[in-house]
Amino acid sequence: QQPVFEAVGVDFVGRNYAMGGMPSAPELAPCVETVFGLDADVISWDYGMTDLGRYWRKAWYSIRIAHHPNRPSMVDINLDSGVTEGDSFPLQMWTLVTRRLEDLGLTAFYLQPSASRIVRDLIPDMFGLNAQQINDTPEYVRNFKCQDKIEKGDPYCDEQRFTIPNDTEHCDTHKGRVDWHPGWRAHAVTGNLMAFFMIDSLVEALKTLQQEVVEAEQGSSSSLSDGVAATLMERYQAEQDANYKLFHEQFNPDIMSDPLPLLEGLDDAVKPYLGDLFGSENVICHTALLPAEARYRGYLTPTRKTTTTSTTTEEEEKEGDSWAISPLRFDEGMPRNVADAL
């Protein structure tokens, strides 16, 4: 995926900021800028197991992403996590939030559970194959399905759920290898579906841009380098501004309660403050959570880190021992919108 985006001058950076067993609210929701960074273009929601039955969490998290200063897209994945087979109500609740945001002018997507199921139905079953036939199977589907079960069953799906034979470098020492966590092949299915979608969107955007450049140049004596590109960028920016203006004008927490009770389970004592909780635009979190971009960069702690890649090592993530002094001031290493807020 990175080479594809690099070919059009886009530096694609993926940050793995997952937190085991963490719900999307109340701690993460107001701190999306602090945790995921102010430069995020896409933020995912993958909290089906921990948010199930408390739909207000996803509503709050989603609205906070909508207030993010960089205006990122939101992508929901694993919508059926924790859902009993045949129970469509949670899926209605999850997807309603996404559709509501879209109605309000925001960019929001969700990965349909049916897409993952279609892929998994097509995966060859290893049961009954001999050793040579199994070895001839492509790596990403080898020992993925056994006895019509994903990551379970004989001959090798159980034992190779998290590992690869003769490979101790990647998975053999990792924590979190429990029954309710998917193995690397299942994660690869989700990752590839998301990657294909993003690449398809990129190609579609390039085709649209190419066509609009041609049309703009036909009605202008200027070439692309002489101003057409700037004109198109101004138009796109104006369209996005209009969408976000629509969101701020129309949004009200009550919108999330009709026709399905998205705020169900929220403490009655909190409801009078929904306008502030959902609508506050400038939030600073001095969070204890890790991973958190603000802590890696040291905005509110003594040690500032500038790494932006997904290869940050554990040693690089450590902060200074002294918490007595926080750099609450603007300097060249701090984004302007952070400094303004401080």
C-alpha atoms as a PDB file:
ATOM      1  CA  GLN A   1       0.000   0.000   0.000  1.00  0.00           C
ATOM      2  CA  GLN A   2       2.788   2.452   0.828  1.00  0.00           C
ATOM      3  CA  PRO A   3       4.426   2.211  -2.653  1.00  0.00           C
ATOM      4  CA  VAL A   4       1.055   2.894  -4.307  1.00  0.00           C
ATOM      5  CA  PHE A   5       0.546   6.121  -2.380  1.00  0.00           C
ATOM      6  CA  GLU A   6       4.219   7.039  -2.738  1.00  0.00           C
ATOM      7  CA  ALA A   7       3.776   6.907  -6.517  1.00  0.00           C
ATOM      8  CA  VAL A   8       1.443   9.927  -6.302  1.00  0.00           C
ATOM      9  CA  GLY A   9       3.532  11.801  -3.742  1.00  0.00           C
ATOM     10  CA  VAL A  10       1.658  10.745  -0.596  1.00  0.00           C
ATOM     11  CA  ASP A  11       3.639   9.554   2.418  1.00  0.00           C
ATOM     12  CA  PHE A  12       1.444   6.771   3.828  1.00  0.00           C
ATOM     13  CA  VAL A  13       2.000   6.241   7.562  1.00  0.00           C
ATOM     14  CA  GLY A  14       0.066   3.706   9.632  1.00  0.00           C
ATOM     15  CA  ARG A  15       0.053   3.953  13.428  1.00  0.00           C
ATOM     16  CA  ASN A  16      -0.912   0.966  15.509  1.00  0.00           C
ATOM     17  CA  TYR A  17      -2.442   2.569  18.586  1.00  0.00           C
ATOM     18  CA  ALA A  18      -4.590  -0.366  19.674  1.00  0.00           C
ATOM     19  CA  MET A  19      -5.262  -0.871  23.389  1.00  0.00           C
ATOM     20  CA  GLY A  20      -6.368  -4.261  24.639  1.00  0.00           C
ATOM     21  CA  GLY A  21      -9.794  -4.395  26.289  1.00  0.00           C
ATOM     22  CA  MET A  22     -10.282  -0.621  25.985  1.00  0.00           C
ATOM     23  CA  PRO A  23     -13.746   0.827  25.267  1.00  0.00           C
ATOM     24  CA  SER A  24     -14.048   3.835  22.982  1.00  0.00           C
ATOM     25  CA  ALA A  25     -15.397   6.026  25.823  1.00  0.00           C
ATOM     26  CA  PRO A  26     -15.329   7.722  28.244  1.00  0.00           C
ATOM     27  CA  GLU A  27     -11.520   8.083  28.275  1.00  0.00           C
ATOM     28  CA  LEU A  28     -10.618   7.699  24.608  1.00  0.00           C
ATOM     29  CA  ALA A  29     -13.485   9.704  23.110  1.00  0.00           C
ATOM     30  CA  PRO A  30     -12.526  13.155  24.444  1.00  0.00           C
ATOM     31  CA  CYS A  31      -8.830  12.425  23.872  1.00  0.00           C
ATOM     32  CA  VAL A  32      -8.744  11.370  20.214  1.00  0.00           C
ATOM     33  CA  GLU A  33      -6.434  14.246  19.274  1.00  0.00           C
ATOM     34  CA  THR A  34      -4.041  13.474  22.111  1.00  0.00           C
ATOM     35  CA  VAL A  35      -3.965   9.733  21.514  1.00  0.00           C
ATOM     36  CA  PHE A  36      -4.095   9.469  17.718  1.00  0.00           C
ATOM     37  CA  GLY A  37      -2.388  12.717  16.791  1.00  0.00           C
ATOM     38  CA  LEU A  38      -3.434  16.021  15.273  1.00  0.00           C
ATOM     39  CA  ASP A  39      -2.362  14.984  11.777  1.00  0.00           C
ATOM     40  CA  ALA A  40      -4.538  11.852  11.493  1.00  0.00           C
ATOM     41  CA  ASP A  41      -6.378  11.504   8.175  1.00  0.00           C
ATOM     42  CA  VAL A  42      -8.198   8.254   8.999  1.00  0.00           C
ATOM     43  CA  ILE A  43      -9.210   6.977  12.446  1.00  0.00           C
ATOM     44  CA  SER A  44     -10.742   3.555  12.931  1.00  0.00           C
ATOM     45  CA  TRP A  45     -13.308   2.234  15.395  1.00  0.00           C
ATOM     46  CA  ASP A  46     -12.751  -1.384  16.473  1.00  0.00           C
ATOM     47  CA  TYR A  47     -14.487  -1.570  19.842  1.00  0.00           C
ATOM     48  CA  GLY A  48     -17.429  -3.855  19.126  1.00  0.00           C
ATOM     49  CA  MET A  49     -16.593  -6.217  21.973  1.00  0.00           C
ATOM     50  CA  THR A  50     -16.116  -3.509  24.624  1.00  0.00           C
ATOM     51  CA  ASP A  51     -18.823  -1.074  23.479  1.00  0.00           C
ATOM     52  CA  LEU A  52     -21.554  -3.680  22.994  1.00  0.00           C
ATOM     53  CA  GLY A  53     -24.719  -2.659  24.835  1.00  0.00           C
ATOM     54  CA  ARG A  54     -23.357   0.833  25.539  1.00  0.00           C
ATOM     55  CA  TYR A  55     -23.999   2.440  22.196  1.00  0.00           C
ATOM     56  CA  TRP A  56     -23.455   5.941  23.558  1.00  0.00           C
ATOM     57  CA  ARG A  57     -19.742   5.140  23.637  1.00  0.00           C
ATOM     58  CA  LYS A  58     -19.530   4.805  19.871  1.00  0.00           C
ATOM     59  CA  ALA A  59     -21.733   7.870  19.401  1.00  0.00           C
ATOM     60  CA  TRP A  60     -19.434   9.953  21.601  1.00  0.00           C
ATOM     61  CA  TYR A  61     -16.244   8.585  20.030  1.00  0.00           C
ATOM     62  CA  SER A  62     -17.570   9.227  16.525  1.00  0.00           C
ATOM     63  CA  ILE A  63     -18.632  12.776  17.285  1.00  0.00           C
ATOM     64  CA  ARG A  64     -15.239  13.509  18.813  1.00  0.00           C
ATOM     65  CA  ILE A  65     -13.590  12.347  15.585  1.00  0.00           C
ATOM     66  CA  ALA A  66     -15.932  14.695  13.744  1.00  0.00           C
ATOM     67  CA  HIS A  67     -14.556  17.578  15.844  1.00  0.00           C
ATOM     68  CA  HIS A  68     -10.928  16.603  15.124  1.00  0.00           C
ATOM     69  CA  PRO A  69      -9.105  19.618  13.613  1.00  0.00           C
ATOM     70  CA  ASN A  70      -7.646  17.612  10.717  1.00  0.00           C
ATOM     71  CA  ARG A  71     -11.119  16.406   9.657  1.00  0.00           C
ATOM     72  CA  PRO A  72     -10.229  12.719   9.350  1.00  0.00           C
ATOM     73  CA  SER A  73     -12.399  10.004   7.891  1.00  0.00           C
ATOM     74  CA  MET A  74     -13.780   7.411  10.283  1.00  0.00           C
ATOM     75  CA  VAL A  75     -13.670   3.724   9.367  1.00  0.00           C
ATOM     76  CA  ASP A  76     -15.537   1.120  11.430  1.00  0.00           C
ATOM     77  CA  ILE A  77     -14.193  -2.432  11.375  1.00  0.00           C
ATOM     78  CA  ASN A  78     -15.163  -5.714  13.052  1.00  0.00           C
ATOM     79  CA  LEU A  79     -18.738  -4.575  13.554  1.00  0.00           C
ATOM     80  CA  ASP A  80     -19.794  -8.103  14.452  1.00  0.00           C
ATOM     81  CA  SER A  81     -17.225  -8.453  17.246  1.00  0.00           C
ATOM     82  CA  GLY A  82     -18.998  -9.757  20.338  1.00  0.00           C
ATOM     83  CA  VAL A  83     -22.320 -10.016  18.494  1.00  0.00           C
ATOM     84  CA  THR A  84     -24.345 -13.215  18.733  1.00  0.00           C
ATOM     85  CA  GLU A  85     -24.919 -14.762  15.322  1.00  0.00           C
ATOM     86  CA  GLY A  86     -28.313 -13.767  13.970  1.00  0.00           C
ATOM     87  CA  ASP A  87     -28.641 -10.738  16.257  1.00  0.00           C
ATOM     88  CA  SER A  88     -28.940  -7.811  13.863  1.00  0.00           C
ATOM     89  CA  PHE A  89     -29.751  -5.124  16.463  1.00  0.00           C
ATOM     90  CA  PRO A  90     -26.132  -4.248  17.419  1.00  0.00           C
ATOM     91  CA  LEU A  91     -25.193  -3.950  13.738  1.00  0.00           C
ATOM     92  CA  GLN A  92     -28.119  -1.579  13.226  1.00  0.00           C
ATOM     93  CA  MET A  93     -26.883   0.526  16.120  1.00  0.00           C
ATOM     94  CA  TRP A  94     -23.252   0.600  14.996  1.00  0.00           C
ATOM     95  CA  THR A  95     -24.020   1.460  11.376  1.00  0.00           C
ATOM     96  CA  LEU A  96     -26.647   4.044  12.309  1.00  0.00           C
ATOM     97  CA  VAL A  97     -23.970   6.189  13.939  1.00  0.00           C
ATOM     98  CA  THR A  98     -21.912   6.071  10.751  1.00  0.00           C
ATOM     99  CA  ARG A  99     -24.891   6.921   8.553  1.00  0.00           C
ATOM    100  CA  ARG A 100     -25.891   9.793  10.823  1.00  0.00           C
ATOM    101  CA  LEU A 101     -22.423  11.301  10.547  1.00  0.00           C
ATOM    102  CA  GLU A 102     -22.599  10.974   6.783  1.00  0.00           C
ATOM    103  CA  ASP A 103     -25.978  12.722   6.762  1.00  0.00           C
ATOM    104  CA  LEU A 104     -24.346  15.562   8.682  1.00  0.00           C
ATOM    105  CA  GLY A 105     -21.713  16.008   5.982  1.00  0.00           C
ATOM    106  CA  LEU A 106     -18.835  13.947   7.354  1.00  0.00           C
ATOM    107  CA  THR A 107     -16.738  11.201   5.781  1.00  0.00           C
ATOM    108  CA  ALA A 108     -17.518   7.895   7.456  1.00  0.00           C
ATOM    109  CA  PHE A 109     -17.322   4.283   6.324  1.00  0.00           C
ATOM    110  CA  TYR A 110     -17.871   0.855   7.776  1.00  0.00           C
ATOM    111  CA  LEU A 111     -16.521  -2.489   6.679  1.00  0.00           C
ATOM    112  CA  GLN A 112     -19.528  -4.699   6.058  1.00  0.00           C
ATOM    113  CA  PRO A 113     -19.305  -7.957   8.022  1.00  0.00           C
ATOM    114  CA  SER A 114     -20.632  -9.739   4.936  1.00  0.00           C
ATOM    115  CA  ALA A 115     -17.415  -8.843   3.068  1.00  0.00           C
ATOM    116  CA  SER A 116     -15.273 -10.717   5.584  1.00  0.00           C
ATOM    117  CA  ARG A 117     -17.651 -13.659   5.523  1.00  0.00           C
ATOM    118  CA  ILE A 118     -17.504 -13.870   1.725  1.00  0.00           C
ATOM    119  CA  VAL A 119     -13.700 -13.919   1.831  1.00  0.00           C
ATOM    120  CA  ARG A 120     -13.655 -16.586   4.527  1.00  0.00           C
ATOM    121  CA  ASP A 121     -16.118 -18.771   2.614  1.00  0.00           C
ATOM    122  CA  LEU A 122     -13.681 -18.781  -0.294  1.00  0.00           C
ATOM    123  CA  ILE A 123     -10.702 -19.872   1.806  1.00  0.00           C
ATOM    124  CA  PRO A 124      -9.708 -23.493   1.057  1.00  0.00           C
ATOM    125  CA  ASP A 125     -10.230 -26.027   3.844  1.00  0.00           C
ATOM    126  CA  MET A 126      -7.040 -27.829   4.905  1.00  0.00           C
ATOM    127  CA  PHE A 127      -8.877 -30.828   6.331  1.00  0.00           C
ATOM    128  CA  GLY A 128      -8.267 -33.884   4.188  1.00  0.00           C
ATOM    129  CA  LEU A 129      -5.297 -32.425   2.291  1.00  0.00           C
ATOM    130  CA  ASN A 130      -1.906 -34.094   2.432  1.00  0.00           C
ATOM    131  CA  ALA A 131       1.256 -32.313   3.563  1.00  0.00           C
ATOM    132  CA  GLN A 132       2.348 -31.401   0.036  1.00  0.00           C
ATOM    133  CA  GLN A 133      -1.038 -29.967  -0.854  1.00  0.00           C
ATOM    134  CA  ILE A 134      -1.037 -27.864   2.318  1.00  0.00           C
ATOM    135  CA  ASN A 135       2.485 -26.581   1.647  1.00  0.00           C
ATOM    136  CA  ASP A 136       1.472 -25.644  -1.903  1.00  0.00           C
ATOM    137  CA  THR A 137      -1.311 -23.422  -0.540  1.00  0.00           C
ATOM    138  CA  PRO A 138      -0.537 -19.657  -0.434  1.00  0.00           C
ATOM    139  CA  GLU A 139       0.840 -18.560   2.929  1.00  0.00           C
ATOM    140  CA  TYR A 140      -2.038 -16.263   3.901  1.00  0.00           C
ATOM    141  CA  VAL A 141      -4.664 -19.002   3.556  1.00  0.00           C
ATOM    142  CA  ARG A 142      -2.539 -21.989   4.587  1.00  0.00           C
ATOM    143  CA  ASN A 143      -3.943 -23.503   7.785  1.00  0.00           C
ATOM    144  CA  PHE A 144      -6.511 -20.707   8.050  1.00  0.00           C
ATOM    145  CA  LYS A 145      -9.594 -22.925   7.733  1.00  0.00           C
ATOM    146  CA  CYS A 146      -9.842 -26.496   9.019  1.00  0.00           C
ATOM    147  CA  GLN A 147     -12.988 -28.637   9.243  1.00  0.00           C
ATOM    148  CA  ASP A 148     -15.011 -25.645   8.024  1.00  0.00           C
ATOM    149  CA  LYS A 149     -13.836 -23.546  10.996  1.00  0.00           C
ATOM    150  CA  ILE A 150     -11.690 -20.416  10.882  1.00  0.00           C
ATOM    151  CA  GLU A 151      -8.403 -20.670  12.847  1.00  0.00           C
ATOM    152  CA  LYS A 152      -9.584 -23.872  14.518  1.00  0.00           C
ATOM    153  CA  GLY A 153      -9.565 -27.583  13.843  1.00  0.00           C
ATOM    154  CA  ASP A 154      -7.276 -30.226  12.422  1.00  0.00           C
ATOM    155  CA  PRO A 155      -4.749 -30.691  11.051  1.00  0.00           C
ATOM    156  CA  TYR A 156      -2.869 -27.485  11.957  1.00  0.00           C
ATOM    157  CA  CYS A 157      -5.237 -24.515  12.264  1.00  0.00           C
ATOM    158  CA  ASP A 158      -5.288 -24.578  16.065  1.00  0.00           C
ATOM    159  CA  GLU A 159      -1.541 -24.766  16.584  1.00  0.00           C
ATOM    160  CA  GLN A 160      -0.676 -22.290  13.836  1.00  0.00           C
ATOM    161  CA  ARG A 161      -3.294 -19.675  14.644  1.00  0.00           C
ATOM    162  CA  PHE A 162      -0.691 -17.226  15.898  1.00  0.00           C
ATOM    163  CA  THR A 163       2.486 -18.718  14.476  1.00  0.00           C
ATOM    164  CA  ILE A 164       4.241 -19.803  11.317  1.00  0.00           C
ATOM    165  CA  PRO A 165       6.280 -23.044  11.258  1.00  0.00           C
ATOM    166  CA  ASN A 166      10.011 -22.504  11.746  1.00  0.00           C
ATOM    167  CA  ASP A 167       9.471 -18.779  12.361  1.00  0.00           C
ATOM    168  CA  THR A 168      10.144 -17.629  15.914  1.00  0.00           C
ATOM    169  CA  GLU A 169      10.819 -14.007  14.952  1.00  0.00           C
ATOM    170  CA  HIS A 170       7.276 -12.700  14.550  1.00  0.00           C
ATOM    171  CA  CYS A 171       4.589 -14.299  16.699  1.00  0.00           C
ATOM    172  CA  ASP A 172       5.985 -16.940  19.018  1.00  0.00           C
ATOM    173  CA  THR A 173       6.791 -14.560  21.866  1.00  0.00           C
ATOM    174  CA  HIS A 174       3.896 -12.113  21.507  1.00  0.00           C
ATOM    175  CA  LYS A 175       1.415 -11.590  24.320  1.00  0.00           C
ATOM    176  CA  GLY A 176      -2.346 -11.707  23.912  1.00  0.00           C
ATOM    177  CA  ARG A 177      -2.576 -15.073  22.197  1.00  0.00           C
ATOM    178  CA  VAL A 178      -5.950 -16.041  23.649  1.00  0.00           C
ATOM    179  CA  ASP A 179      -9.054 -17.707  22.229  1.00  0.00           C
ATOM    180  CA  TRP A 180     -11.022 -14.502  21.742  1.00  0.00           C
ATOM    181  CA  HIS A 181      -8.243 -12.767  19.781  1.00  0.00           C
ATOM    182  CA  PRO A 182      -8.023 -13.451  16.044  1.00  0.00           C
ATOM    183  CA  GLY A 183      -4.770 -14.728  14.593  1.00  0.00           C
ATOM    184  CA  TRP A 184      -2.579 -12.939  12.078  1.00  0.00           C
ATOM    185  CA  ARG A 185      -4.402 -14.392   9.079  1.00  0.00           C
ATOM    186  CA  ALA A 186      -7.737 -12.968  10.237  1.00  0.00           C
ATOM    187  CA  HIS A 187      -6.081  -9.602  10.782  1.00  0.00           C
ATOM    188  CA  ALA A 188      -4.621  -9.880   7.282  1.00  0.00           C
ATOM    189  CA  VAL A 189      -8.116 -10.310   5.815  1.00  0.00           C
ATOM    190  CA  THR A 190      -9.284  -7.072   7.462  1.00  0.00           C
ATOM    191  CA  GLY A 191      -6.073  -5.261   6.539  1.00  0.00           C
ATOM    192  CA  ASN A 192      -6.234  -6.302   2.893  1.00  0.00           C
ATOM    193  CA  LEU A 193      -9.913  -5.350   2.577  1.00  0.00           C
ATOM    194  CA  MET A 194      -9.118  -1.905   3.978  1.00  0.00           C
ATOM    195  CA  ALA A 195      -6.042  -1.552   1.765  1.00  0.00           C
ATOM    196  CA  PHE A 196      -7.932  -2.473  -1.402  1.00  0.00           C
ATOM    197  CA  PHE A 197     -10.679  -0.010  -0.505  1.00  0.00           C
ATOM    198  CA  MET A 198      -8.182   2.808   0.073  1.00  0.00           C
ATOM    199  CA  ILE A 199      -6.315   2.058  -3.149  1.00  0.00           C
ATOM    200  CA  ASP A 200      -9.585   1.907  -5.116  1.00  0.00           C
ATOM    201  CA  SER A 201     -10.572   5.246  -3.569  1.00  0.00           C
ATOM    202  CA  LEU A 202      -7.194   6.708  -4.514  1.00  0.00           C
ATOM    203  CA  VAL A 203      -7.526   5.548  -8.132  1.00  0.00           C
ATOM    204  CA  GLU A 204     -11.080   6.888  -8.309  1.00  0.00           C
ATOM    205  CA  ALA A 205      -9.945  10.233  -6.895  1.00  0.00           C
ATOM    206  CA  LEU A 206      -7.109  10.462  -9.445  1.00  0.00           C
ATOM    207  CA  LYS A 207      -9.501   9.738 -12.316  1.00  0.00           C
ATOM    208  CA  THR A 208     -11.924  12.372 -11.047  1.00  0.00           C
ATOM    209  CA  LEU A 209      -9.108  14.887 -10.625  1.00  0.00           C
ATOM    210  CA  GLN A 210      -7.771  14.141 -14.084  1.00  0.00           C
ATOM    211  CA  GLN A 211     -11.195  14.698 -15.642  1.00  0.00           C
ATOM    212  CA  GLU A 212     -11.770  17.914 -13.708  1.00  0.00           C
ATOM    213  CA  VAL A 213      -8.343  19.231 -14.707  1.00  0.00           C
ATOM    214  CA  VAL A 214      -9.157  18.593 -18.365  1.00  0.00           C
ATOM    215  CA  GLU A 215     -12.512  20.356 -18.040  1.00  0.00           C
ATOM    216  CA  ALA A 216     -10.972  23.274 -16.139  1.00  0.00           C
ATOM    217  CA  GLU A 217      -8.214  23.740 -18.712  1.00  0.00           C
ATOM    218  CA  GLN A 218     -10.717  23.666 -21.579  1.00  0.00           C
ATOM    219  CA  GLY A 219     -12.474  26.646 -20.080  1.00  0.00           C
ATOM    220  CA  SER A 220      -9.291  28.488 -19.219  1.00  0.00           C
ATOM    221  CA  SER A 221      -6.256  29.800 -21.045  1.00  0.00           C
ATOM    222  CA  SER A 222      -4.096  28.656 -18.113  1.00  0.00           C
ATOM    223  CA  SER A 223      -2.281  25.370 -17.853  1.00  0.00           C
ATOM    224  CA  LEU A 224      -2.432  23.207 -14.725  1.00  0.00           C
ATOM    225  CA  SER A 225       0.791  24.646 -13.392  1.00  0.00           C
ATOM    226  CA  ASP A 226      -0.453  28.203 -13.952  1.00  0.00           C
ATOM    227  CA  GLY A 227      -3.355  28.058 -11.529  1.00  0.00           C
ATOM    228  CA  VAL A 228      -5.886  25.357 -12.367  1.00  0.00           C
ATOM    229  CA  ALA A 229      -4.578  23.139  -9.569  1.00  0.00           C
ATOM    230  CA  ALA A 230      -4.878  25.985  -7.072  1.00  0.00           C
ATOM    231  CA  THR A 231      -8.412  26.718  -8.264  1.00  0.00           C
ATOM    232  CA  LEU A 232      -9.459  23.098  -7.854  1.00  0.00           C
ATOM    233  CA  MET A 233      -7.888  22.937  -4.399  1.00  0.00           C
ATOM    234  CA  GLU A 234      -9.804  26.045  -3.362  1.00  0.00           C
ATOM    235  CA  ARG A 235     -13.030  24.470  -4.598  1.00  0.00           C
ATOM    236  CA  TYR A 236     -12.392  21.200  -2.760  1.00  0.00           C
ATOM    237  CA  GLN A 237     -11.527  23.101   0.404  1.00  0.00           C
ATOM    238  CA  ALA A 238     -14.725  25.148   0.118  1.00  0.00           C
ATOM    239  CA  GLU A 239     -16.790  21.971  -0.281  1.00  0.00           C
ATOM    240  CA  GLN A 240     -15.202  20.448   2.802  1.00  0.00           C
ATOM    241  CA  ASP A 241     -15.688  23.659   4.783  1.00  0.00           C
ATOM    242  CA  ALA A 242     -19.360  23.668   3.817  1.00  0.00           C
ATOM    243  CA  ASN A 243     -19.762  20.066   4.981  1.00  0.00           C
ATOM    244  CA  TYR A 244     -18.213  20.797   8.351  1.00  0.00           C
ATOM    245  CA  LYS A 245     -20.221  23.973   8.731  1.00  0.00           C
ATOM    246  CA  LEU A 246     -23.339  21.883   8.140  1.00  0.00           C
ATOM    247  CA  PHE A 247     -22.222  19.477  10.855  1.00  0.00           C
ATOM    248  CA  HIS A 248     -21.668  22.210  13.426  1.00  0.00           C
ATOM    249  CA  GLU A 249     -24.976  23.898  12.587  1.00  0.00           C
ATOM    250  CA  GLN A 250     -27.080  20.739  12.676  1.00  0.00           C
ATOM    251  CA  PHE A 251     -25.470  18.654  15.372  1.00  0.00           C
ATOM    252  CA  ASN A 252     -27.352  18.089  18.569  1.00  0.00           C
ATOM    253  CA  PRO A 253     -26.919  15.096  20.908  1.00  0.00           C
ATOM    254  CA  ASP A 254     -30.638  14.348  20.487  1.00  0.00           C
ATOM    255  CA  ILE A 255     -29.934  13.502  16.834  1.00  0.00           C
ATOM    256  CA  MET A 256     -28.201  10.356  18.022  1.00  0.00           C
ATOM    257  CA  SER A 257     -31.338   9.121  19.850  1.00  0.00           C
ATOM    258  CA  ASP A 258     -33.817   8.870  16.986  1.00  0.00           C
ATOM    259  CA  PRO A 259     -34.963   6.383  15.742  1.00  0.00           C
ATOM    260  CA  LEU A 260     -32.677   3.992  17.687  1.00  0.00           C
ATOM    261  CA  PRO A 261     -31.615   4.650  21.302  1.00  0.00           C
ATOM    262  CA  LEU A 262     -27.929   5.312  20.722  1.00  0.00           C
ATOM    263  CA  LEU A 263     -27.627   7.000  24.102  1.00  0.00           C
ATOM    264  CA  GLU A 264     -29.067   3.982  25.893  1.00  0.00           C
ATOM    265  CA  GLY A 265     -27.084   3.030  28.984  1.00  0.00           C
ATOM    266  CA  LEU A 266     -25.744   6.518  29.612  1.00  0.00           C
ATOM    267  CA  ASP A 267     -26.054   7.614  33.227  1.00  0.00           C
ATOM    268  CA  ASP A 268     -28.948  10.056  33.708  1.00  0.00           C
ATOM    269  CA  ALA A 269     -26.687  12.357  35.709  1.00  0.00           C
ATOM    270  CA  VAL A 270     -24.499  12.811  32.629  1.00  0.00           C
ATOM    271  CA  LYS A 271     -27.236  13.547  30.109  1.00  0.00           C
ATOM    272  CA  PRO A 272     -27.621  17.265  30.993  1.00  0.00           C
ATOM    273  CA  TYR A 273     -23.990  17.744  29.952  1.00  0.00           C
ATOM    274  CA  LEU A 274     -24.209  15.993  26.579  1.00  0.00           C
ATOM    275  CA  GLY A 275     -23.883  19.274  24.711  1.00  0.00           C
ATOM    276  CA  ASP A 276     -20.512  19.920  26.344  1.00  0.00           C
ATOM    277  CA  LEU A 277     -19.298  16.324  26.147  1.00  0.00           C
ATOM    278  CA  PHE A 278     -20.229  15.821  22.511  1.00  0.00           C
ATOM    279  CA  GLY A 279     -19.791  19.357  21.249  1.00  0.00           C
ATOM    280  CA  SER A 280     -16.565  20.668  22.795  1.00  0.00           C
ATOM    281  CA  GLU A 281     -14.033  21.328  20.045  1.00  0.00           C
ATOM    282  CA  ASN A 282     -10.877  22.170  22.011  1.00  0.00           C
ATOM    283  CA  VAL A 283      -9.870  19.417  24.401  1.00  0.00           C
ATOM    284  CA  ILE A 284      -6.438  18.819  25.926  1.00  0.00           C
ATOM    285  CA  CYS A 285      -5.800  15.508  27.667  1.00  0.00           C
ATOM    286  CA  HIS A 286      -2.763  14.975  29.865  1.00  0.00           C
ATOM    287  CA  THR A 287      -3.387  11.271  29.475  1.00  0.00           C
ATOM    288  CA  ALA A 288      -1.714   8.341  31.177  1.00  0.00           C
ATOM    289  CA  LEU A 289      -2.649   6.102  28.256  1.00  0.00           C
ATOM    290  CA  LEU A 290      -0.095   4.497  25.990  1.00  0.00           C
ATOM    291  CA  PRO A 291       0.114   4.497  23.068  1.00  0.00           C
ATOM    292  CA  ALA A 292      -0.587   8.218  22.769  1.00  0.00           C
ATOM    293  CA  GLU A 293       0.881  10.556  20.167  1.00  0.00           C
ATOM    294  CA  ALA A 294       1.036  13.528  22.531  1.00  0.00           C
ATOM    295  CA  ARG A 295       3.165  11.532  24.964  1.00  0.00           C
ATOM    296  CA  TYR A 296       5.450  10.197  22.236  1.00  0.00           C
ATOM    297  CA  ARG A 297       6.017  13.751  21.028  1.00  0.00           C
ATOM    298  CA  GLY A 298       6.280  15.129  24.560  1.00  0.00           C
ATOM    299  CA  TYR A 299       3.807  18.010  24.210  1.00  0.00           C
ATOM    300  CA  LEU A 300       2.747  17.795  27.839  1.00  0.00           C
ATOM    301  CA  THR A 301       5.775  15.974  29.239  1.00  0.00           C
ATOM    302  CA  PRO A 302       9.466  16.892  29.522  1.00  0.00           C
ATOM    303  CA  THR A 303      10.745  14.644  26.718  1.00  0.00           C
ATOM    304  CA  ARG A 304       9.657  15.382  23.161  1.00  0.00           C
ATOM    305  CA  LYS A 305       9.800  12.656  20.503  1.00  0.00           C
ATOM    306  CA  THR A 306       9.394  13.455  16.809  1.00  0.00           C
ATOM    307  CA  THR A 307       9.061   9.993  15.272  1.00  0.00           C
ATOM    308  CA  THR A 308       6.005   9.657  13.012  1.00  0.00           C
ATOM    309  CA  THR A 309       6.416   6.142  11.665  1.00  0.00           C
ATOM    310  CA  SER A 310       4.790   2.921  12.765  1.00  0.00           C
ATOM    311  CA  THR A 311       8.218   1.510  13.697  1.00  0.00           C
ATOM    312  CA  THR A 312       8.581   3.405  16.995  1.00  0.00           C
ATOM    313  CA  THR A 313      10.453   1.161  19.420  1.00  0.00           C
ATOM    314  CA  GLU A 314       9.632   0.667  23.068  1.00  0.00           C
ATOM    315  CA  GLU A 315      12.808   2.466  24.070  1.00  0.00           C
ATOM    316  CA  GLU A 316      11.875   5.507  21.998  1.00  0.00           C
ATOM    317  CA  GLU A 317       8.448   5.682  23.629  1.00  0.00           C
ATOM    318  CA  LYS A 318       9.793   6.237  27.139  1.00  0.00           C
ATOM    319  CA  GLU A 319       9.351   9.663  28.666  1.00  0.00           C
ATOM    320  CA  GLY A 320      11.622  11.596  30.983  1.00  0.00           C
ATOM    321  CA  ASP A 321      11.686  10.811  34.682  1.00  0.00           C
ATOM    322  CA  SER A 322      10.801  14.337  35.721  1.00  0.00           C
ATOM    323  CA  TRP A 323       7.109  15.207  35.452  1.00  0.00           C
ATOM    324  CA  ALA A 324       7.507  18.493  37.279  1.00  0.00           C
ATOM    325  CA  ILE A 325       7.960  20.596  34.149  1.00  0.00           C
ATOM    326  CA  SER A 326       5.697  20.384  31.107  1.00  0.00           C
ATOM    327  CA  PRO A 327       6.503  22.354  27.932  1.00  0.00           C
ATOM    328  CA  LEU A 328       3.271  24.383  27.872  1.00  0.00           C
ATOM    329  CA  ARG A 329       4.660  26.854  25.364  1.00  0.00           C
ATOM    330  CA  PHE A 330       4.979  27.140  21.622  1.00  0.00           C
ATOM    331  CA  ASP A 331       8.172  26.125  19.914  1.00  0.00           C
ATOM    332  CA  GLU A 332       9.115  25.023  16.407  1.00  0.00           C
ATOM    333  CA  GLY A 333       8.480  21.371  17.201  1.00  0.00           C
ATOM    334  CA  MET A 334       4.849  21.878  18.170  1.00  0.00           C
ATOM    335  CA  PRO A 335       1.945  22.185  15.694  1.00  0.00           C
ATOM    336  CA  ARG A 336       0.411  25.627  15.648  1.00  0.00           C
ATOM    337  CA  ASN A 337      -3.077  24.450  16.658  1.00  0.00           C
ATOM    338  CA  VAL A 338      -1.669  22.726  19.751  1.00  0.00           C
ATOM    339  CA  ALA A 339       0.190  25.873  20.744  1.00  0.00           C
ATOM    340  CA  ASP A 340      -2.919  28.011  20.264  1.00  0.00           C
ATOM    341  CA  ALA A 341      -4.906  25.702  22.517  1.00  0.00           C
ATOM    342  CA  LEU A 342      -2.204  25.786  25.166  1.00  0.00           C
END
